[in-house]
């Protein structure tokens, strides 16, 4: 079940949001997908800009820069 979430903070230590730039299902947009223990939860937020997506993430998260080993669509991650 995929639905857009807004400012919900029931994240825990095993939760991570990964921000993608222009994934195939959302051309010309950014999407942050939530993962728990490296499993996609189906929760996501969408925005026209990276800042739009950042504003929709739960408060209190810490940004991680992308790794050279990340998929090219990955812009950043939040834990």
PDB file of N, CA and C in Angstrom:
ATOM      1  N   UNK A   1       0.841  -1.177   0.000  1.00  0.00           N
ATOM      2  CA  UNK A   1       0.000   0.000   0.000  1.00  0.00           C
ATOM      3  C   UNK A   1       0.889   1.243   0.000  1.00  0.00           C
ATOM      4  N   UNK A   2       0.880   2.005  -1.072  1.00  0.00           N
ATOM      5  CA  UNK A   2       1.664   3.217  -1.171  1.00  0.00           C
ATOM      6  C   UNK A   2       0.777   4.426  -1.010  1.00  0.00           C
ATOM      7  N   UNK A   3       1.156   5.293  -0.094  1.00  0.00           N
ATOM      8  CA  UNK A   3       0.423   6.549   0.028  1.00  0.00           C
ATOM      9  C   UNK A   3       1.378   7.619   0.506  1.00  0.00           C
ATOM     10  N   UNK A   4       1.105   8.835   0.119  1.00  0.00           N
ATOM     11  CA  UNK A   4       1.971   9.936   0.496  1.00  0.00           C
ATOM     12  C   UNK A   4       1.746  10.259   1.963  1.00  0.00           C
ATOM     13  N   UNK A   5       2.836  10.416   2.690  1.00  0.00           N
ATOM     14  CA  UNK A   5       2.789  10.720   4.114  1.00  0.00           C
ATOM     15  C   UNK A   5       3.280  12.147   4.326  1.00  0.00           C
ATOM     16  N   UNK A   6       2.853  12.771   5.408  1.00  0.00           N
ATOM     17  CA  UNK A   6       3.364  14.093   5.734  1.00  0.00           C
ATOM     18  C   UNK A   6       3.674  14.177   7.215  1.00  0.00           C
ATOM     19  N   UNK A   7       4.854  14.678   7.525  1.00  0.00           N
ATOM     20  CA  UNK A   7       5.304  14.974   8.885  1.00  0.00           C
ATOM     21  C   UNK A   7       4.820  14.018   9.959  1.00  0.00           C
ATOM     22  N   UNK A   8       5.062  12.760   9.771  1.00  0.00           N
ATOM     23  CA  UNK A   8       4.749  11.749  10.769  1.00  0.00           C
ATOM     24  C   UNK A   8       6.054  11.245  11.343  1.00  0.00           C
ATOM     25  N   UNK A   9       6.183  11.250  12.663  1.00  0.00           N
ATOM     26  CA  UNK A   9       7.460  10.850  13.229  1.00  0.00           C
ATOM     27  C   UNK A   9       7.294   9.650  14.145  1.00  0.00           C
ATOM     28  N   UNK A  10       7.020   8.512  13.555  1.00  0.00           N
ATOM     29  CA  UNK A  10       7.032   7.269  14.316  1.00  0.00           C
ATOM     30  C   UNK A  10       8.243   6.441  13.885  1.00  0.00           C
ATOM     31  N   UNK A  11       9.244   7.155  13.326  1.00  0.00           N
ATOM     32  CA  UNK A  11      10.479   6.490  12.919  1.00  0.00           C
ATOM     33  C   UNK A  11      11.205   5.956  14.147  1.00  0.00           C
ATOM     34  N   UNK A  12      12.006   4.953  13.936  1.00  0.00           N
ATOM     35  CA  UNK A  12      12.837   4.412  14.999  1.00  0.00           C
ATOM     36  C   UNK A  12      14.251   4.211  14.460  1.00  0.00           C
ATOM     37  N   UNK A  13      15.095   3.570  15.240  1.00  0.00           N
ATOM     38  CA  UNK A  13      16.491   3.413  14.847  1.00  0.00           C
ATOM     39  C   UNK A  13      16.679   2.592  13.578  1.00  0.00           C
ATOM     40  N   UNK A  14      15.712   1.797  13.188  1.00  0.00           N
ATOM     41  CA  UNK A  14      15.870   0.968  11.998  1.00  0.00           C
ATOM     42  C   UNK A  14      15.217   1.599  10.774  1.00  0.00           C
ATOM     43  N   UNK A  15      14.727   2.825  10.904  1.00  0.00           N
ATOM     44  CA  UNK A  15      14.026   3.485   9.817  1.00  0.00           C
ATOM     45  C   UNK A  15      14.948   4.453   9.083  1.00  0.00           C
ATOM     46  N   UNK A  16      14.809   4.482   7.755  1.00  0.00           N
ATOM     47  CA  UNK A  16      15.619   5.358   6.914  1.00  0.00           C
ATOM     48  C   UNK A  16      14.767   5.848   5.742  1.00  0.00           C
ATOM     49  N   UNK A  17      14.975   7.091   5.350  1.00  0.00           N
ATOM     50  CA  UNK A  17      14.329   7.645   4.168  1.00  0.00           C
ATOM     51  C   UNK A  17      15.401   7.835   3.109  1.00  0.00           C
ATOM     52  N   UNK A  18      15.168   7.324   1.904  1.00  0.00           N
ATOM     53  CA  UNK A  18      16.106   7.486   0.803  1.00  0.00           C
ATOM     54  C   UNK A  18      15.456   8.376  -0.247  1.00  0.00           C
ATOM     55  N   UNK A  19      16.166   9.440  -0.630  1.00  0.00           N
ATOM     56  CA  UNK A  19      15.643  10.424  -1.587  1.00  0.00           C
ATOM     57  C   UNK A  19      16.191  10.111  -2.973  1.00  0.00           C
ATOM     58  N   UNK A  20      15.271   9.980  -3.926  1.00  0.00           N
ATOM     59  CA  UNK A  20      15.613   9.677  -5.316  1.00  0.00           C
ATOM     60  C   UNK A  20      15.283  10.864  -6.209  1.00  0.00           C
ATOM     61  N   UNK A  21      16.125  11.096  -7.208  1.00  0.00           N
ATOM     62  CA  UNK A  21      15.862  12.129  -8.206  1.00  0.00           C
ATOM     63  C   UNK A  21      15.364  11.470  -9.481  1.00  0.00           C
ATOM     64  N   UNK A  22      14.170  11.840  -9.903  1.00  0.00           N
ATOM     65  CA  UNK A  22      13.543  11.367 -11.138  1.00  0.00           C
ATOM     66  C   UNK A  22      13.499   9.850 -11.277  1.00  0.00           C
ATOM     67  N   UNK A  23      12.929   9.151 -10.290  1.00  0.00           N
ATOM     68  CA  UNK A  23      12.753   7.702 -10.494  1.00  0.00           C
ATOM     69  C   UNK A  23      11.753   7.470 -11.621  1.00  0.00           C
ATOM     70  N   UNK A  24      11.780   6.312 -12.269  1.00  0.00           N
ATOM     71  CA  UNK A  24      10.918   6.067 -13.436  1.00  0.00           C
ATOM     72  C   UNK A  24       9.428   6.357 -13.199  1.00  0.00           C
ATOM     73  N   UNK A  25       8.915   6.062 -12.025  1.00  0.00           N
ATOM     74  CA  UNK A  25       7.491   6.274 -11.755  1.00  0.00           C
ATOM     75  C   UNK A  25       7.150   7.750 -11.520  1.00  0.00           C
ATOM     76  N   UNK A  26       8.173   8.596 -11.316  1.00  0.00           N
ATOM     77  CA  UNK A  26       7.949  10.014 -11.019  1.00  0.00           C
ATOM     78  C   UNK A  26       8.929  10.882 -11.808  1.00  0.00           C
ATOM     79  N   UNK A  27       8.780  10.943 -13.135  1.00  0.00           N
ATOM     80  CA  UNK A  27       9.705  11.759 -13.934  1.00  0.00           C
ATOM     81  C   UNK A  27       9.623  13.231 -13.520  1.00  0.00           C
ATOM     82  N   UNK A  28      10.765  13.899 -13.526  1.00  0.00           N
ATOM     83  CA  UNK A  28      10.871  15.322 -13.186  1.00  0.00           C
ATOM     84  C   UNK A  28      10.484  15.638 -11.747  1.00  0.00           C
ATOM     85  N   UNK A  29      10.541  14.648 -10.863  1.00  0.00           N
ATOM     86  CA  UNK A  29      10.222  14.867  -9.455  1.00  0.00           C
ATOM     87  C   UNK A  29      11.239  14.157  -8.568  1.00  0.00           C
ATOM     88  N   UNK A  30      11.166  14.494  -7.299  1.00  0.00           N
ATOM     89  CA  UNK A  30      11.972  13.841  -6.272  1.00  0.00           C
ATOM     90  C   UNK A  30      11.036  13.009  -5.409  1.00  0.00           C
ATOM     91  N   UNK A  31      11.514  11.874  -4.938  1.00  0.00           N
ATOM     92  CA  UNK A  31      10.717  10.993  -4.090  1.00  0.00           C
ATOM     93  C   UNK A  31      11.588  10.506  -2.943  1.00  0.00           C
ATOM     94  N   UNK A  32      11.040  10.559  -1.727  1.00  0.00           N
ATOM     95  CA  UNK A  32      11.712   9.953  -0.574  1.00  0.00           C
ATOM     96  C   UNK A  32      10.890   8.742  -0.171  1.00  0.00           C
ATOM     97  N   UNK A  33      11.536   7.595  -0.125  1.00  0.00           N
ATOM     98  CA  UNK A  33      10.870   6.347   0.259  1.00  0.00           C
ATOM     99  C   UNK A  33      11.399   5.900   1.620  1.00  0.00           C
ATOM    100  N   UNK A  34      10.480   5.422   2.441  1.00  0.00           N
ATOM    101  CA  UNK A  34      10.851   4.981   3.780  1.00  0.00           C
ATOM    102  C   UNK A  34      11.177   3.487   3.792  1.00  0.00           C
ATOM    103  N   UNK A  35      12.273   3.146   4.450  1.00  0.00           N
ATOM    104  CA  UNK A  35      12.707   1.764   4.616  1.00  0.00           C
ATOM    105  C   UNK A  35      12.843   1.476   6.105  1.00  0.00           C
ATOM    106  N   UNK A  36      12.497   0.275   6.493  1.00  0.00           N
ATOM    107  CA  UNK A  36      12.719  -0.210   7.858  1.00  0.00           C
ATOM    108  C   UNK A  36      13.522  -1.482   7.761  1.00  0.00           C
ATOM    109  N   UNK A  37      14.655  -1.514   8.438  1.00  0.00           N
ATOM    110  CA  UNK A  37      15.557  -2.669   8.360  1.00  0.00           C
ATOM    111  C   UNK A  37      15.838  -3.030   6.898  1.00  0.00           C
ATOM    112  N   UNK A  38      16.041  -2.008   6.069  1.00  0.00           N
ATOM    113  CA  UNK A  38      16.377  -2.146   4.646  1.00  0.00           C
ATOM    114  C   UNK A  38      15.252  -2.730   3.793  1.00  0.00           C
ATOM    115  N   UNK A  39      14.022  -2.717   4.318  1.00  0.00           N
ATOM    116  CA  UNK A  39      12.859  -3.186   3.568  1.00  0.00           C
ATOM    117  C   UNK A  39      11.945  -1.983   3.323  1.00  0.00           C
ATOM    118  N   UNK A  40      11.563  -1.759   2.065  1.00  0.00           N
ATOM    119  CA  UNK A  40      10.686  -0.638   1.742  1.00  0.00           C
ATOM    120  C   UNK A  40       9.337  -0.817   2.421  1.00  0.00           C
ATOM    121  N   UNK A  41       8.841   0.267   3.054  1.00  0.00           N
ATOM    122  CA  UNK A  41       7.581   0.204   3.800  1.00  0.00           C
ATOM    123  C   UNK A  41       6.367   0.540   2.950  1.00  0.00           C
ATOM    124  N   UNK A  42       6.574   1.157   1.793  1.00  0.00           N
ATOM    125  CA  UNK A  42       5.453   1.615   0.975  1.00  0.00           C
ATOM    126  C   UNK A  42       5.107   3.067   1.241  1.00  0.00           C
ATOM    127  N   UNK A  43       5.705   3.662   2.258  1.00  0.00           N
ATOM    128  CA  UNK A  43       5.480   5.077   2.549  1.00  0.00           C
ATOM    129  C   UNK A  43       6.445   5.915   1.716  1.00  0.00           C
ATOM    130  N   UNK A  44       5.950   7.035   1.197  1.00  0.00           N
ATOM    131  CA  UNK A  44       6.805   7.914   0.419  1.00  0.00           C
ATOM    132  C   UNK A  44       6.237   9.318   0.398  1.00  0.00           C
ATOM    133  N   UNK A  45       7.086  10.275   0.074  1.00  0.00           N
ATOM    134  CA  UNK A  45       6.670  11.658  -0.162  1.00  0.00           C
ATOM    135  C   UNK A  45       7.233  12.069  -1.517  1.00  0.00           C
ATOM    136  N   UNK A  46       6.531  12.964  -2.195  1.00  0.00           N
ATOM    137  CA  UNK A  46       6.907  13.409  -3.536  1.00  0.00           C
ATOM    138  C   UNK A  46       6.984  14.930  -3.546  1.00  0.00           C
ATOM    139  N   UNK A  47       7.928  15.481  -4.309  1.00  0.00           N
ATOM    140  CA  UNK A  47       8.021  16.925  -4.468  1.00  0.00           C
ATOM    141  C   UNK A  47       8.641  17.283  -5.801  1.00  0.00           C
ATOM    142  N   UNK A  48       8.411  18.521  -6.209  1.00  0.00           N
ATOM    143  CA  UNK A  48       8.986  19.001  -7.467  1.00  0.00           C
ATOM    144  C   UNK A  48      10.463  19.343  -7.324  1.00  0.00           C
ATOM    145  N   UNK A  49      10.893  19.645  -6.092  1.00  0.00           N
ATOM    146  CA  UNK A  49      12.297  19.972  -5.836  1.00  0.00           C
ATOM    147  C   UNK A  49      12.794  19.149  -4.651  1.00  0.00           C
ATOM    148  N   UNK A  50      14.109  19.111  -4.506  1.00  0.00           N
ATOM    149  CA  UNK A  50      14.702  18.424  -3.369  1.00  0.00           C
ATOM    150  C   UNK A  50      14.227  19.072  -2.061  1.00  0.00           C
ATOM    151  N   UNK A  51      14.157  20.393  -2.037  1.00  0.00           N
ATOM    152  CA  UNK A  51      13.687  21.080  -0.836  1.00  0.00           C
ATOM    153  C   UNK A  51      12.229  20.762  -0.515  1.00  0.00           C
ATOM    154  N   UNK A  52      11.390  20.574  -1.537  1.00  0.00           N
ATOM    155  CA  UNK A  52       9.993  20.169  -1.302  1.00  0.00           C
ATOM    156  C   UNK A  52       9.945  18.847  -0.542  1.00  0.00           C
ATOM    157  N   UNK A  53      10.746  17.892  -0.972  1.00  0.00           N
ATOM    158  CA  UNK A  53      10.759  16.575  -0.330  1.00  0.00           C
ATOM    159  C   UNK A  53      11.319  16.684   1.085  1.00  0.00           C
ATOM    160  N   UNK A  54      12.406  17.417   1.240  1.00  0.00           N
ATOM    161  CA  UNK A  54      12.988  17.586   2.578  1.00  0.00           C
ATOM    162  C   UNK A  54      11.972  18.158   3.565  1.00  0.00           C
ATOM    163  N   UNK A  55      11.167  19.104   3.107  1.00  0.00           N
ATOM    164  CA  UNK A  55      10.170  19.737   3.983  1.00  0.00           C
ATOM    165  C   UNK A  55       9.075  18.765   4.414  1.00  0.00           C
ATOM    166  N   UNK A  56       8.893  17.686   3.674  1.00  0.00           N
ATOM    167  CA  UNK A  56       7.842  16.709   3.987  1.00  0.00           C
ATOM    168  C   UNK A  56       8.336  15.548   4.849  1.00  0.00           C
ATOM    169  N   UNK A  57       9.642  15.474   5.066  1.00  0.00           N
ATOM    170  CA  UNK A  57      10.182  14.395   5.896  1.00  0.00           C
ATOM    171  C   UNK A  57       9.892  14.678   7.368  1.00  0.00           C
ATOM    172  N   UNK A  58       9.822  13.627   8.180  1.00  0.00           N
ATOM    173  CA  UNK A  58       9.588  13.827   9.608  1.00  0.00           C
ATOM    174  C   UNK A  58      10.697  14.681  10.227  1.00  0.00           C
ATOM    175  N   UNK A  59      10.364  15.513  11.199  1.00  0.00           N
ATOM    176  CA  UNK A  59      11.388  16.335  11.847  1.00  0.00           C
ATOM    177  C   UNK A  59      12.340  15.472  12.676  1.00  0.00           C
ATOM    178  N   UNK A  60      13.542  15.999  12.894  1.00  0.00           N
ATOM    179  CA  UNK A  60      14.497  15.331  13.762  1.00  0.00           C
ATOM    180  C   UNK A  60      15.399  14.328  13.085  1.00  0.00           C
ATOM    181  N   UNK A  61      15.325  14.219  11.757  1.00  0.00           N
ATOM    182  CA  UNK A  61      16.179  13.272  11.042  1.00  0.00           C
ATOM    183  C   UNK A  61      17.537  13.896  10.736  1.00  0.00           C
ATOM    184  N   UNK A  62      18.536  13.052  10.499  1.00  0.00           N
ATOM    185  CA  UNK A  62      19.876  13.495  10.148  1.00  0.00           C
ATOM    186  C   UNK A  62      20.175  13.071   8.713  1.00  0.00           C
ATOM    187  N   UNK A  63      20.688  14.019   7.922  1.00  0.00           N
ATOM    188  CA  UNK A  63      20.970  13.759   6.504  1.00  0.00           C
ATOM    189  C   UNK A  63      22.316  13.086   6.332  1.00  0.00           C
ATOM    190  N   UNK A  64      22.352  12.094   5.442  1.00  0.00           N
ATOM    191  CA  UNK A  64      23.580  11.424   5.052  1.00  0.00           C
ATOM    192  C   UNK A  64      23.832  11.708   3.576  1.00  0.00           C
ATOM    193  N   UNK A  65      25.063  12.040   3.229  1.00  0.00           N
ATOM    194  CA  UNK A  65      25.416  12.256   1.827  1.00  0.00           C
ATOM    195  C   UNK A  65      25.363  10.922   1.092  1.00  0.00           C
ATOM    196  N   UNK A  66      25.185  11.007  -0.200  1.00  0.00           N
ATOM    197  CA  UNK A  66      25.153   9.790  -0.999  1.00  0.00           C
ATOM    198  C   UNK A  66      26.547   9.176  -1.062  1.00  0.00           C
ATOM    199  N   UNK A  67      26.569   7.890  -1.219  1.00  0.00           N
ATOM    200  CA  UNK A  67      27.808   7.133  -1.358  1.00  0.00           C
ATOM    201  C   UNK A  67      28.072   6.908  -2.844  1.00  0.00           C
ATOM    202  N   UNK A  68      29.318   6.744  -3.196  1.00  0.00           N
ATOM    203  CA  UNK A  68      29.652   6.463  -4.600  1.00  0.00           C
ATOM    204  C   UNK A  68      29.081   5.114  -5.036  1.00  0.00           C
ATOM    205  N   UNK A  69      28.704   4.265  -4.080  1.00  0.00           N
ATOM    206  CA  UNK A  69      28.128   2.962  -4.402  1.00  0.00           C
ATOM    207  C   UNK A  69      26.602   3.009  -4.538  1.00  0.00           C
ATOM    208  N   UNK A  70      25.984   4.157  -4.233  1.00  0.00           N
ATOM    209  CA  UNK A  70      24.525   4.280  -4.347  1.00  0.00           C
ATOM    210  C   UNK A  70      24.089   4.264  -5.805  1.00  0.00           C
ATOM    211  N   UNK A  71      22.855   3.881  -6.018  1.00  0.00           N
ATOM    212  CA  UNK A  71      22.234   3.984  -7.335  1.00  0.00           C
ATOM    213  C   UNK A  71      22.345   5.441  -7.793  1.00  0.00           C
ATOM    214  N   UNK A  72      22.572   5.698  -9.083  1.00  0.00           N
ATOM    215  CA  UNK A  72      22.706   7.077  -9.561  1.00  0.00           C
ATOM    216  C   UNK A  72      21.495   7.973  -9.262  1.00  0.00           C
ATOM    217  N   UNK A  73      20.314   7.392  -9.086  1.00  0.00           N
ATOM    218  CA  UNK A  73      19.126   8.197  -8.771  1.00  0.00           C
ATOM    219  C   UNK A  73      19.082   8.670  -7.317  1.00  0.00           C
ATOM    220  N   UNK A  74      19.877   8.042  -6.437  1.00  0.00           N
ATOM    221  CA  UNK A  74      19.862   8.408  -5.023  1.00  0.00           C
ATOM    222  C   UNK A  74      20.583   9.735  -4.831  1.00  0.00           C
ATOM    223  N   UNK A  75      19.892  10.691  -4.198  1.00  0.00           N
ATOM    224  CA  UNK A  75      20.491  11.993  -3.903  1.00  0.00           C
ATOM    225  C   UNK A  75      21.055  12.061  -2.493  1.00  0.00           C
ATOM    226  N   UNK A  76      20.317  11.487  -1.527  1.00  0.00           N
ATOM    227  CA  UNK A  76      20.728  11.522  -0.130  1.00  0.00           C
ATOM    228  C   UNK A  76      19.849  10.568   0.659  1.00  0.00           C
ATOM    229  N   UNK A  77      20.229  10.326   1.910  1.00  0.00           N
ATOM    230  CA  UNK A  77      19.442   9.484   2.809  1.00  0.00           C
ATOM    231  C   UNK A  77      19.281  10.213   4.123  1.00  0.00           C
ATOM    232  N   UNK A  78      18.234   9.856   4.860  1.00  0.00           N
ATOM    233  CA  UNK A  78      17.948  10.465   6.167  1.00  0.00           C
ATOM    234  C   UNK A  78      17.673   9.368   7.190  1.00  0.00           C
ATOM    235  N   UNK A  79      18.315   9.499   8.353  1.00  0.00           N
ATOM    236  CA  UNK A  79      18.047   8.552   9.448  1.00  0.00           C
ATOM    237  C   UNK A  79      17.662   9.318  10.702  1.00  0.00           C
TER     238      UNK A  79
END
